[in-house]
Protein backbone atom coordinates (compact mmCIF):
# COMPACT_ATOMS: atom_id res chain seq x y z
CA MET A 1 -5.03 -39.77 -14.11
CA GLY A 2 -2.72 -42.61 -13.07
CA GLU A 3 -0.30 -42.23 -10.17
CA LEU A 4 2.74 -42.98 -12.36
CA LYS A 5 1.72 -40.32 -14.88
CA LEU A 6 1.22 -37.78 -12.08
CA LYS A 7 4.72 -38.46 -10.75
CA LYS A 8 6.15 -37.89 -14.22
CA LYS A 9 4.28 -34.59 -14.49
CA MET A 10 5.73 -33.24 -11.23
CA TRP A 11 9.04 -32.24 -12.81
CA LEU A 12 7.12 -30.26 -15.43
CA LEU A 13 5.16 -28.41 -12.73
CA PHE A 14 8.40 -27.49 -10.96
CA ILE A 15 9.95 -26.22 -14.20
CA ILE A 16 6.87 -24.13 -15.00
CA PHE A 17 6.92 -22.47 -11.59
CA ILE A 18 10.66 -21.85 -11.77
CA SER A 19 10.04 -20.08 -15.08
CA LEU A 20 7.22 -18.09 -13.47
CA GLY A 21 9.78 -16.60 -11.10
CA PHE A 22 12.34 -15.72 -13.82
CA PRO A 23 10.88 -12.30 -14.82
CA ASP A 24 10.17 -11.35 -11.18
CA GLY A 25 13.88 -11.54 -10.42
CA LEU A 26 14.92 -9.22 -13.26
CA LEU A 27 13.18 -5.90 -12.69
CA GLY A 28 14.18 -5.25 -9.07
CA SER A 29 17.79 -6.40 -9.36
CA GLY A 30 18.35 -4.54 -12.62
CA TRP A 31 16.37 -1.38 -11.82
CA PRO A 32 19.34 0.94 -11.12
CA GLU A 33 20.55 0.35 -14.70
CA ILE A 34 17.09 0.12 -16.26
CA ARG A 35 15.95 3.45 -14.81
CA ASN A 36 19.08 5.14 -16.20
CA THR A 37 18.10 3.95 -19.67
CA PHE A 38 14.60 5.40 -19.34
CA HIS A 39 15.60 8.37 -17.12
CA PHE A 40 13.03 7.37 -14.50
CA GLU A 41 12.98 8.12 -10.79
CA THR A 42 13.63 5.31 -8.30
CA GLU A 43 9.99 4.98 -7.17
CA VAL A 44 8.75 4.19 -10.71
CA VAL A 45 9.69 0.53 -10.17
CA GLY A 46 6.89 0.31 -7.61
CA ILE A 47 4.38 1.60 -10.16
CA LEU A 48 5.59 -0.89 -12.78
CA THR A 49 5.39 -3.77 -10.31
CA MET A 50 1.88 -2.73 -9.33
CA GLY A 51 0.91 -2.64 -13.01
CA ILE A 52 2.09 -6.23 -13.47
CA PHE A 53 0.11 -7.34 -10.41
CA ILE A 54 -3.04 -5.56 -11.64
CA PHE A 55 -2.99 -7.41 -14.96
CA SER A 56 -2.17 -10.67 -13.15
CA PHE A 57 -5.21 -10.08 -10.94
CA LEU A 58 -7.47 -9.43 -13.94
CA SER A 59 -6.25 -12.49 -15.86
CA SER A 60 -6.67 -14.74 -12.80
CA LEU A 61 -10.34 -13.76 -12.56
CA MET A 62 -10.81 -14.74 -16.22
CA TYR A 63 -9.26 -18.18 -15.73
CA THR A 64 -12.44 -20.26 -15.40
CA ARG A 65 -13.80 -18.83 -18.65
CA LEU A 66 -10.51 -19.17 -20.49
CA ILE A 67 -9.91 -22.79 -19.53
CA ALA A 68 -13.48 -23.70 -20.49
CA LYS A 69 -12.85 -22.34 -23.98
CA LEU A 70 -9.16 -23.07 -24.54
CA GLY A 71 -8.16 -25.93 -22.25
CA LEU A 72 -5.13 -26.19 -19.97
CA GLU A 73 -2.49 -26.87 -22.63
CA LYS A 74 -3.36 -23.82 -24.73
CA ILE A 75 -3.48 -21.60 -21.64
CA LEU A 76 -0.01 -22.68 -20.49
CA GLN A 77 1.51 -22.48 -23.97
CA GLY A 78 -0.21 -19.20 -24.82
CA SER A 79 0.68 -17.59 -21.49
CA THR A 80 4.33 -18.61 -21.84
CA LEU A 81 4.38 -17.12 -25.33
CA VAL A 82 2.84 -13.90 -23.98
CA ILE A 83 5.57 -13.70 -21.31
CA ILE A 84 8.26 -14.18 -23.98
CA LEU A 85 6.74 -11.33 -26.01
CA GLY A 86 6.65 -9.15 -22.88
CA LEU A 87 10.33 -9.78 -22.17
CA LEU A 88 11.32 -9.03 -25.77
CA LEU A 89 9.22 -5.87 -25.99
CA PHE A 90 10.84 -4.48 -22.85
CA SER A 91 14.41 -5.32 -23.85
CA ALA A 92 14.32 -4.78 -27.63
CA LEU A 93 12.30 -1.56 -27.88
CA ARG A 94 13.61 0.12 -24.71
CA THR A 95 10.90 2.78 -24.98
CA PRO A 96 8.01 3.74 -22.65
CA VAL A 97 5.58 2.14 -25.13
CA GLY A 98 7.55 -1.10 -25.04
CA MET A 99 7.66 -0.96 -21.24
CA ILE A 100 3.90 -0.48 -20.89
CA SER A 101 3.19 -3.27 -23.39
CA SER A 102 5.63 -5.49 -21.51
CA ILE A 103 3.83 -4.87 -18.21
CA ILE A 104 0.50 -5.90 -19.74
CA PHE A 105 1.91 -9.06 -21.33
CA LEU A 106 3.96 -10.13 -18.30
CA GLY A 107 1.01 -9.57 -15.95
CA ILE A 108 -1.52 -11.46 -18.07
CA GLY A 109 0.86 -14.36 -18.72
CA ALA A 110 1.93 -14.72 -15.09
CA GLY A 111 -1.63 -14.52 -13.74
CA CYS A 112 -2.94 -17.25 -16.05
CA ILE A 113 -0.04 -19.62 -15.34
CA ASP A 114 -0.25 -18.99 -11.60
CA VAL A 115 -3.94 -19.92 -11.41
CA ALA A 116 -3.63 -22.82 -13.88
CA ILE A 117 -0.87 -24.57 -11.92
CA ASN A 118 -2.45 -23.86 -8.53
CA ASP A 119 -5.75 -25.31 -9.74
CA TYR A 120 -4.04 -28.30 -11.37
CA VAL A 121 -1.97 -29.12 -8.28
CA SER A 122 -4.96 -28.54 -5.98
CA PHE A 123 -6.99 -31.15 -7.85
CA TYR A 124 -4.38 -33.82 -8.64
CA TYR A 125 -1.80 -33.51 -5.85
CA ASN A 126 -1.52 -32.96 -2.11
CA GLU A 127 -0.23 -30.08 0.00
CA LYS A 128 3.33 -31.46 -0.09
CA ILE A 129 3.62 -30.92 -3.84
CA MET A 130 1.83 -27.56 -3.56
CA SER A 131 4.43 -26.38 -1.04
CA TRP A 132 7.33 -27.55 -3.20
CA VAL A 133 5.86 -25.97 -6.33
CA HIS A 134 5.81 -22.56 -4.62
CA ALA A 135 9.31 -23.10 -3.27
CA PHE A 136 10.53 -23.56 -6.85
CA TRP A 137 9.05 -20.16 -7.71
CA GLY A 138 11.57 -18.71 -5.24
CA ILE A 139 14.35 -20.54 -7.06
CA GLY A 140 13.16 -18.91 -10.28
CA ILE A 141 13.36 -15.43 -8.74
CA SER A 142 16.86 -16.12 -7.42
CA PHE A 143 17.94 -17.43 -10.81
CA GLY A 144 16.53 -14.38 -12.62
CA SER A 145 18.34 -12.05 -10.21
CA GLY A 146 21.51 -14.10 -10.67
CA VAL A 147 21.35 -13.78 -14.46
CA MET A 148 20.96 -10.01 -14.15
CA SER A 149 23.90 -9.84 -11.73
CA ILE A 150 26.19 -11.84 -14.04
CA VAL A 151 25.22 -9.74 -17.06
CA LEU A 152 25.87 -6.44 -15.26
CA PHE A 153 29.06 -7.73 -13.61
CA ASN A 154 30.45 -8.48 -17.07
CA GLY A 155 29.72 -4.96 -18.27
CA LEU A 156 26.86 -5.91 -20.59
CA GLY A 157 23.59 -4.01 -20.96
CA TRP A 158 20.74 -5.00 -18.65
CA PHE A 159 18.62 -5.97 -21.67
CA TYR A 160 20.86 -8.99 -22.37
CA SER A 161 19.48 -10.64 -19.22
CA TYR A 162 15.97 -10.23 -20.65
CA TYR A 163 17.11 -11.91 -23.88
CA ILE A 164 18.59 -14.81 -21.89
CA ILE A 165 15.42 -15.30 -19.85
CA ALA A 166 13.28 -15.01 -23.00
CA PHE A 167 15.37 -17.80 -24.58
CA LEU A 168 14.91 -19.99 -21.48
CA GLU A 169 11.15 -19.31 -21.57
CA LEU A 170 11.18 -20.36 -25.23
CA CYS A 171 12.84 -23.65 -24.25
CA ILE A 172 10.11 -24.19 -21.66
CA LEU A 173 7.44 -23.41 -24.27
CA ILE A 174 8.91 -26.15 -26.49
CA ILE A 175 8.83 -28.56 -23.53
CA LEU A 176 5.16 -27.67 -22.95
CA ILE A 177 4.31 -28.29 -26.60
CA PHE A 178 5.75 -31.81 -26.46
CA ASN A 179 4.35 -32.72 -23.02
CA ARG A 180 0.60 -32.98 -22.62
CA MET A 181 -1.09 -31.47 -19.57
CA GLU A 182 -4.61 -32.77 -19.05
CA ALA A 183 -7.10 -30.43 -17.43
CA ALA A 184 -8.99 -31.50 -14.33
CA PRO A 185 -12.30 -33.27 -15.11
CA GLN A 186 -14.41 -30.18 -14.42
CA HIS A 187 -12.63 -28.48 -17.34
CA SER A 188 -12.18 -31.44 -19.66
CA ASP A 189 -15.16 -30.78 -21.92
CA LYS A 190 -13.93 -27.22 -22.58
CA GLN A 191 -17.43 -25.93 -21.99
CA GLU A 192 -18.44 -23.58 -19.24
CA LYS A 193 -20.95 -25.83 -17.54
CA SER A 194 -22.82 -23.28 -15.50
CA LYS A 195 -22.66 -19.81 -14.10
CA VAL A 196 -21.21 -20.53 -10.68
CA LYS A 197 -22.41 -17.97 -8.15
CA LEU A 198 -20.32 -17.56 -5.04
CA THR A 199 -21.89 -16.67 -1.69
CA LYS A 200 -20.29 -14.68 1.13
CA LEU A 201 -19.06 -17.92 2.71
CA HIS A 202 -17.17 -18.81 -0.46
CA TYR A 203 -15.12 -15.62 -0.09
CA LEU A 204 -13.47 -16.70 3.18
CA GLY A 205 -10.62 -18.28 1.21
CA PRO A 206 -10.10 -15.21 -1.01
CA LEU A 207 -10.21 -13.00 2.14
CA TYR A 208 -7.48 -15.15 3.70
CA TYR A 209 -5.33 -14.74 0.59
CA PHE A 210 -6.01 -11.01 0.35
CA CYS A 211 -4.58 -10.60 3.85
CA TYR A 212 -1.63 -12.79 2.88
CA GLY A 213 -0.54 -9.75 0.85
CA ILE A 214 1.00 -8.64 4.16
CA GLU A 215 3.95 -10.85 3.15
CA TYR A 216 4.79 -8.24 0.51
CA VAL A 217 4.26 -5.37 2.97
CA VAL A 218 6.92 -6.92 5.20
CA GLY A 219 9.28 -7.26 2.25
CA LEU A 220 8.80 -3.60 1.31
CA TYR A 221 8.79 -1.81 4.67
CA PHE A 222 10.75 -4.07 7.04
CA SER A 223 14.08 -2.49 6.12
CA THR A 224 12.77 1.06 6.57
CA PHE A 225 11.17 0.09 9.90
CA LEU A 226 14.50 -1.24 11.17
CA LEU A 227 16.38 1.85 9.98
CA VAL A 228 13.97 4.27 11.67
CA ASN A 229 12.94 2.40 14.82
CA TYR A 230 16.03 0.34 15.57
CA SER A 231 18.73 2.62 14.10
CA LEU A 232 20.27 -0.20 12.08
CA SER A 233 22.54 0.57 9.15
CA SER A 234 21.25 0.05 5.60
CA GLY A 235 23.37 -3.08 5.24
CA GLU A 236 22.16 -4.58 8.51
CA ALA A 237 18.52 -3.85 7.66
CA ALA A 238 18.91 -5.35 4.17
CA PHE A 239 20.43 -8.48 5.74
CA GLN A 240 17.35 -8.95 7.95
CA VAL A 241 15.06 -8.63 4.93
CA SER A 242 17.14 -11.20 3.02
CA LEU A 243 16.85 -13.55 6.02
CA TYR A 244 13.08 -13.09 5.96
CA TRP A 245 12.81 -14.06 2.27
CA THR A 246 15.33 -16.90 2.63
CA PHE A 247 13.44 -18.58 5.47
CA LEU A 248 10.15 -18.06 3.64
CA MET A 249 11.39 -20.02 0.61
CA VAL A 250 13.41 -22.64 2.52
CA GLY A 251 10.43 -23.12 4.82
CA ARG A 252 8.30 -24.21 1.87
CA PHE A 253 10.66 -27.06 1.06
CA PHE A 254 10.70 -28.09 4.73
CA THR A 255 6.90 -27.91 4.95
CA GLY A 256 6.68 -30.32 2.03
CA PHE A 257 8.44 -32.92 4.20
CA LEU A 258 6.55 -31.92 7.35
CA ILE A 259 3.17 -32.76 5.78
CA SER A 260 4.07 -36.47 6.04
CA TYR A 261 4.00 -36.21 9.83
CA MET A 262 1.40 -33.55 10.62
CA SER A 263 -2.05 -32.56 9.37
CA VAL A 264 -2.51 -29.45 7.24
CA LYS A 265 -4.70 -27.95 9.96
CA LYS A 266 -1.97 -28.33 12.56
CA ILE A 267 0.77 -27.04 10.23
CA VAL A 268 -1.18 -23.89 9.34
CA SER A 269 -2.13 -23.30 12.99
CA ILE A 270 1.50 -23.57 14.10
CA HIS A 271 2.76 -21.32 11.31
CA LEU A 272 0.11 -18.69 12.04
CA LEU A 273 1.31 -18.71 15.64
CA ILE A 274 4.99 -18.54 14.63
CA SER A 275 4.43 -15.58 12.30
CA PHE A 276 2.32 -13.85 14.98
CA LEU A 277 5.15 -14.28 17.51
CA GLY A 278 7.55 -12.75 14.99
CA GLY A 279 5.30 -9.70 14.72
CA LEU A 280 5.02 -9.46 18.50
CA LEU A 281 8.81 -9.43 18.88
CA LEU A 282 8.97 -6.32 16.68
CA LEU A 283 6.84 -4.51 19.26
CA SER A 284 9.49 -5.10 21.91
CA GLN A 285 11.90 -2.48 20.47
CA GLN A 286 14.75 -4.77 21.52
CA ASN A 287 17.58 -5.16 19.00
CA ASN A 288 18.36 -8.62 20.36
CA PHE A 289 15.02 -9.90 19.02
CA ILE A 290 15.35 -8.61 15.43
CA LEU A 291 17.14 -11.68 14.07
CA VAL A 292 14.63 -14.04 15.67
CA ALA A 293 11.70 -11.93 14.42
CA SER A 294 13.02 -12.03 10.83
CA ILE A 295 13.35 -15.81 10.93
CA LEU A 296 9.99 -16.39 12.62
CA MET A 297 8.06 -14.19 10.19
CA GLY A 298 9.76 -15.70 7.14
CA TYR A 299 9.34 -19.28 8.26
CA GLY A 300 5.86 -18.61 9.65
CA PHE A 301 4.58 -17.21 6.34
CA SER A 302 6.17 -20.05 4.35
CA ALA A 303 3.32 -22.53 4.87
CA LEU A 304 0.40 -20.11 4.88
CA TYR A 305 0.11 -19.72 1.10
CA PRO A 306 0.59 -23.27 -0.25
CA MET A 307 -1.09 -25.21 2.56
CA MET A 308 -4.48 -23.50 2.18
CA MET A 309 -4.68 -23.37 -1.62
CA ARG A 310 -6.34 -26.75 -2.23
CA LEU A 311 -8.75 -26.60 0.75
CA PRO A 312 -11.74 -25.62 -1.47
CA TYR A 313 -11.53 -29.07 -3.13
CA ASP A 314 -12.04 -30.63 0.32
CA ILE A 315 -15.13 -28.53 1.00
CA TYR A 316 -16.98 -27.82 -2.26
CA ASN A 317 -17.71 -29.59 -5.52
CA ASN A 318 -15.03 -29.40 -8.22
CA GLU A 319 -16.63 -26.65 -10.28
CA VAL A 320 -17.08 -24.32 -7.30
CA ALA A 321 -13.65 -25.23 -5.89
CA SER A 322 -11.91 -24.40 -9.17
CA LYS A 323 -13.45 -20.94 -9.25
CA ILE A 324 -12.55 -20.31 -5.60
CA VAL A 325 -8.92 -21.33 -6.26
CA ALA A 326 -8.81 -18.81 -9.12
CA TYR A 327 -10.23 -16.14 -6.82
CA GLN A 328 -7.76 -17.02 -4.08
CA VAL A 329 -4.85 -16.41 -6.44
CA GLY A 330 -6.52 -13.25 -7.75
CA PHE A 331 -7.25 -11.84 -4.30
CA GLN A 332 -3.67 -12.48 -3.24
CA TYR A 333 -2.58 -10.29 -6.16
CA LEU A 334 -5.18 -7.74 -5.06
CA GLY A 335 -3.75 -7.80 -1.53
CA VAL A 336 -0.25 -7.25 -2.91
CA ILE A 337 -1.59 -4.28 -4.90
CA ILE A 338 -3.66 -2.63 -2.16
CA LEU A 339 -2.03 -3.42 1.20
CA PRO A 340 1.42 -1.88 0.49
CA VAL A 341 -0.25 1.35 -0.70
CA VAL A 342 -2.66 1.54 2.25
CA CYS A 343 0.02 0.64 4.79
CA GLY A 344 2.49 3.07 3.22
CA PHE A 345 -0.09 5.86 3.47
CA ILE A 346 -0.80 4.99 7.12
CA PHE A 347 2.90 4.79 8.02
CA ASN A 348 3.62 8.08 6.27
CA TYR A 349 0.87 10.04 8.02
CA THR A 350 1.10 8.37 11.43
CA SER A 351 4.16 6.36 12.42
CA LEU A 352 6.18 3.31 11.40
CA ASN A 353 5.41 2.02 14.90
CA LEU A 354 2.21 0.71 13.30
CA PHE A 355 4.22 -1.66 11.07
CA PRO A 356 4.08 -4.58 13.56
CA ILE A 357 0.40 -3.81 14.25
CA SER A 358 -0.42 -4.13 10.55
CA ILE A 359 1.31 -7.54 10.46
CA LEU A 360 -0.52 -8.79 13.55
CA THR A 361 -3.89 -7.51 12.28
CA ALA A 362 -3.53 -9.31 8.94
CA ILE A 363 -2.47 -12.55 10.67
CA LEU A 364 -5.46 -12.37 13.03
CA ILE A 365 -7.90 -11.96 10.12
CA MET A 366 -6.24 -14.89 8.34
CA ALA A 367 -6.53 -16.97 11.52
CA LEU A 368 -10.26 -16.19 11.82
CA ALA A 369 -10.89 -17.08 8.17
CA PHE A 370 -8.83 -20.26 8.58
CA LYS A 371 -10.78 -21.30 11.68
CA ARG A 372 -14.13 -20.72 9.96
CA LEU A 373 -13.09 -22.61 6.83
CA TYR A 374 -11.95 -25.61 8.83
CA SER A 375 -15.16 -25.63 10.82
CA PHE A 376 -16.92 -26.13 7.46
CA LYS A 377 -14.48 -28.84 6.45
CA ASP A 378 -14.76 -30.71 9.75
CA LYS A 379 -18.55 -30.68 9.50
CA ASN A 380 -18.37 -31.60 5.80
CA PHE A 381 -20.27 -28.37 5.21
CA ASN A 382 -21.79 -27.78 1.80
CA LYS A 383 -19.87 -30.57 0.10
CA GLY A 384 -22.29 -30.25 -2.76
CA GLY A 385 -21.13 -26.68 -3.44
């Protein structure tokens, strides 16, 4: 694909990933009102979120088969349509059946789009664009939350925000219909060429992304950790969590510029170290270090997801690399599903003092997987797949 055509496609990639974040911003920000409609307890939102992630995980594992049969355009258009249906089912029916159906549709649609764009960007673009694409996902979440806030502030029902986002998703679907997206060459014949079998070594990337689920653990338990261990007020703790997410998203834009001056290997190494230092500061039990720890962890994590996504294309052949990228996205969903539950169980039956230890452990495993992967890359290991 020509360089000029790729530049023209970038805006479409950014729009798609903004739209991917739209639904994620609705459920959490609108939950106090949503749960009153359904008469649910507060913790049910965690179950619903986990359900979405489970179906995203399952759909991401099916990506290589789906794209071989349907092609990239149909996957993107079909997944966007599925997300629209999920939003409408949730808001229009306002019943448990509608909610469960919505979870299935939103999860499947999000998982397919997530893998499709990650694979597309991994093949055609560099780490700079990958970092910016994921930064735009954060903009989508913020926009979705903003729509919910405006709707509720004006005294309207929460479901109106779902209608608004569904309409915006419909506009994006129309844009996708009138703008062609060509699949990478390994998918262009729409035939599954061979049964790619992955070895243990191929799972280093997915292991790295599974451990990256610790990002979500921090988002869930950081506030509680600060309340219990540092005696902060609810407002102060929430502010630290917001700082964490803000620097994570802003850091992705900054990393996109940084890639012009530093290698990916150096950027990831530095950000692993920065995030590790943030975790270490939480062990100090010193209130003066909380602000710095929040910033370091957020900024440190910012580069760890996008910078490593396209590495399989530098190590393996295209067919193997595409499957590994799909698994990396899928295992990240799996990490987000499993790690918060496991960590929550550990914290509940032992102590929240283990919160920083869990962060440091995950970062160390990621660092080991990263080091091993780059040893393969530097030696041009197994370039044939």
